Amino acid sequence: LSERTEIELHIVAKIEAPPLSFHRISVMINDKEVRTLDMFVPKSGVANNDMIARFILSPTTAVRIHHYYDSVWSDMNVSSSNLRVGFRSGLPNIYDVPFQ
């Protein structure tokens, strides 16, 4: 249909950051945060996680993904993120998802 599209979003995240730091991966739809993936970096300095989100969107919807470095005690430091994002559309089995 031209007025909506079924979307499945699969995000695989790898965060390299100081040990014991907190991070957040956010999915934004039209600049509104709709899903988050909270991550804690262990002593190894590398955290991995993934998230699947399903939506029904209009064709003009803006989808953004943000990485937030939330905290690491009182230290100031840097982090890096590697996100792999997969989109699938036109899925007939999406029946209980929000229309954004």
C-alpha atoms as a PDB file:
ATOM      1  CA  LEU A   1       0.000   0.000   0.000  1.00  0.00           C
ATOM      2  CA  SER A   2       1.217   3.498  -0.745  1.00  0.00           C
ATOM      3  CA  GLU A   3       0.145   4.894   2.647  1.00  0.00           C
ATOM      4  CA  ARG A   4       2.053   2.425   4.868  1.00  0.00           C
ATOM      5  CA  THR A   5       4.961  -0.001   4.885  1.00  0.00           C
ATOM      6  CA  GLU A   6       5.669  -2.863   7.259  1.00  0.00           C
ATOM      7  CA  ILE A   7       9.289  -2.648   8.458  1.00  0.00           C
ATOM      8  CA  GLU A   8      11.486  -5.001  10.458  1.00  0.00           C
ATOM      9  CA  LEU A   9      14.664  -3.390  11.761  1.00  0.00           C
ATOM     10  CA  HIS A  10      17.516  -5.601  13.021  1.00  0.00           C
ATOM     11  CA  ILE A  11      20.390  -3.817  14.765  1.00  0.00           C
ATOM     12  CA  VAL A  12      23.598  -5.600  15.779  1.00  0.00           C
ATOM     13  CA  ALA A  13      25.721  -3.366  18.025  1.00  0.00           C
ATOM     14  CA  LYS A  14      29.360  -3.600  19.099  1.00  0.00           C
ATOM     15  CA  ILE A  15      30.567  -0.976  21.575  1.00  0.00           C
ATOM     16  CA  GLU A  16      34.261  -0.476  22.395  1.00  0.00           C
ATOM     17  CA  ALA A  17      34.557   1.749  25.441  1.00  0.00           C
ATOM     18  CA  PRO A  18      36.046   2.041  28.921  1.00  0.00           C
ATOM     19  CA  PRO A  19      35.146  -0.859  31.201  1.00  0.00           C
ATOM     20  CA  LEU A  20      32.059  -0.432  33.376  1.00  0.00           C
ATOM     21  CA  SER A  21      30.543   2.249  31.138  1.00  0.00           C
ATOM     22  CA  PHE A  22      26.884   2.489  30.173  1.00  0.00           C
ATOM     23  CA  HIS A  23      25.622   3.073  26.627  1.00  0.00           C
ATOM     24  CA  ARG A  24      22.278   3.373  24.900  1.00  0.00           C
ATOM     25  CA  ILE A  25      21.292   2.674  21.295  1.00  0.00           C
ATOM     26  CA  SER A  26      18.051   4.488  20.428  1.00  0.00           C
ATOM     27  CA  VAL A  27      15.726   4.091  17.465  1.00  0.00           C
ATOM     28  CA  MET A  28      14.114   7.425  16.650  1.00  0.00           C
ATOM     29  CA  ILE A  29      11.046   7.756  14.428  1.00  0.00           C
ATOM     30  CA  ASN A  30      10.312  11.318  13.355  1.00  0.00           C
ATOM     31  CA  ASP A  31      12.694  12.480  16.132  1.00  0.00           C
ATOM     32  CA  LYS A  32      10.748  10.577  18.827  1.00  0.00           C
ATOM     33  CA  GLU A  33      12.547   7.810  20.715  1.00  0.00           C
ATOM     34  CA  VAL A  34      10.529   4.601  20.310  1.00  0.00           C
ATOM     35  CA  ARG A  35      12.976   1.795  21.218  1.00  0.00           C
ATOM     36  CA  THR A  36      16.174   1.620  23.243  1.00  0.00           C
ATOM     37  CA  LEU A  37      18.895  -0.952  23.772  1.00  0.00           C
ATOM     38  CA  ASP A  38      20.837  -0.400  27.002  1.00  0.00           C
ATOM     39  CA  MET A  39      24.364  -1.782  27.067  1.00  0.00           C
ATOM     40  CA  PHE A  40      26.941  -2.211  29.839  1.00  0.00           C
ATOM     41  CA  VAL A  41      30.595  -2.629  28.857  1.00  0.00           C
ATOM     42  CA  PRO A  42      32.345  -5.355  30.877  1.00  0.00           C
ATOM     43  CA  LYS A  43      35.983  -5.352  31.983  1.00  0.00           C
ATOM     44  CA  SER A  44      37.062  -6.543  28.527  1.00  0.00           C
ATOM     45  CA  GLY A  45      36.106  -3.140  27.087  1.00  0.00           C
ATOM     46  CA  VAL A  46      33.833  -4.608  24.382  1.00  0.00           C
ATOM     47  CA  ALA A  47      30.051  -5.157  24.540  1.00  0.00           C
ATOM     48  CA  ASN A  48      27.847  -6.859  21.936  1.00  0.00           C
ATOM     49  CA  ASN A  49      24.075  -6.988  21.685  1.00  0.00           C
ATOM     50  CA  ASP A  50      21.264  -6.895  19.150  1.00  0.00           C
ATOM     51  CA  MET A  51      17.690  -5.676  18.832  1.00  0.00           C
ATOM     52  CA  ILE A  52      14.779  -6.412  16.515  1.00  0.00           C
ATOM     53  CA  ALA A  53      12.039  -3.804  16.160  1.00  0.00           C
ATOM     54  CA  ARG A  54       8.946  -3.995  13.955  1.00  0.00           C
ATOM     55  CA  PHE A  55       6.890  -1.015  12.824  1.00  0.00           C
ATOM     56  CA  ILE A  56       4.264   0.040  10.335  1.00  0.00           C
ATOM     57  CA  LEU A  57       5.451   3.333   8.868  1.00  0.00           C
ATOM     58  CA  SER A  58       4.290   5.877   6.351  1.00  0.00           C
ATOM     59  CA  PRO A  59       6.598   6.424   3.340  1.00  0.00           C
ATOM     60  CA  THR A  60       7.754   9.850   4.582  1.00  0.00           C
ATOM     61  CA  THR A  61       8.843   8.639   8.032  1.00  0.00           C
ATOM     62  CA  ALA A  62      12.356   9.576   9.169  1.00  0.00           C
ATOM     63  CA  VAL A  63      14.177   6.737  10.955  1.00  0.00           C
ATOM     64  CA  ARG A  64      17.359   7.553  12.903  1.00  0.00           C
ATOM     65  CA  ILE A  65      19.624   5.506  15.160  1.00  0.00           C
ATOM     66  CA  HIS A  66      21.614   7.208  17.929  1.00  0.00           C
ATOM     67  CA  HIS A  67      24.412   5.969  20.192  1.00  0.00           C
ATOM     68  CA  TYR A  68      24.574   7.664  23.602  1.00  0.00           C
ATOM     69  CA  TYR A  69      27.525   7.300  25.953  1.00  0.00           C
ATOM     70  CA  ASP A  70      25.620   7.573  29.232  1.00  0.00           C
ATOM     71  CA  SER A  71      28.282   7.344  31.945  1.00  0.00           C
ATOM     72  CA  VAL A  72      31.464   5.785  33.274  1.00  0.00           C
ATOM     73  CA  TRP A  73      31.682   6.878  36.904  1.00  0.00           C
ATOM     74  CA  SER A  74      33.533  10.207  37.000  1.00  0.00           C
ATOM     75  CA  ASP A  75      35.978   9.580  34.119  1.00  0.00           C
ATOM     76  CA  MET A  76      35.821  11.470  30.842  1.00  0.00           C
ATOM     77  CA  ASN A  77      36.636   9.172  27.940  1.00  0.00           C
ATOM     78  CA  VAL A  78      35.699   8.196  24.399  1.00  0.00           C
ATOM     79  CA  SER A  79      33.910   5.226  22.907  1.00  0.00           C
ATOM     80  CA  SER A  80      33.232   3.840  19.461  1.00  0.00           C
ATOM     81  CA  SER A  81      30.271   1.957  18.123  1.00  0.00           C
ATOM     82  CA  ASN A  82      29.893  -0.324  15.157  1.00  0.00           C
ATOM     83  CA  LEU A  83      26.252  -0.815  14.193  1.00  0.00           C
ATOM     84  CA  ARG A  84      25.014  -3.147  11.489  1.00  0.00           C
ATOM     85  CA  VAL A  85      21.461  -2.383  10.512  1.00  0.00           C
ATOM     86  CA  GLY A  86      19.209  -4.577   8.394  1.00  0.00           C
ATOM     87  CA  PHE A  87      15.837  -3.478   7.023  1.00  0.00           C
ATOM     88  CA  ARG A  88      13.104  -5.759   5.740  1.00  0.00           C
ATOM     89  CA  SER A  89       9.843  -4.472   4.363  1.00  0.00           C
ATOM     90  CA  GLY A  90       6.528  -5.841   3.145  1.00  0.00           C
ATOM     91  CA  LEU A  91       6.301  -8.507   5.832  1.00  0.00           C
ATOM     92  CA  PRO A  92       2.843 -10.097   5.881  1.00  0.00           C
ATOM     93  CA  ASN A  93       3.299 -11.524   9.416  1.00  0.00           C
ATOM     94  CA  ILE A  94       3.473  -8.141  11.193  1.00  0.00           C
ATOM     95  CA  TYR A  95       0.085  -7.860  12.838  1.00  0.00           C
ATOM     96  CA  ASP A  96       0.593  -6.546  16.370  1.00  0.00           C
ATOM     97  CA  VAL A  97       2.941  -3.581  15.928  1.00  0.00           C
ATOM     98  CA  PRO A  98       2.400   0.149  16.394  1.00  0.00           C
ATOM     99  CA  PHE A  99       1.531   2.363  13.468  1.00  0.00           C
ATOM    100  CA  GLN A 100       3.949   5.298  13.669  1.00  0.00           C
END
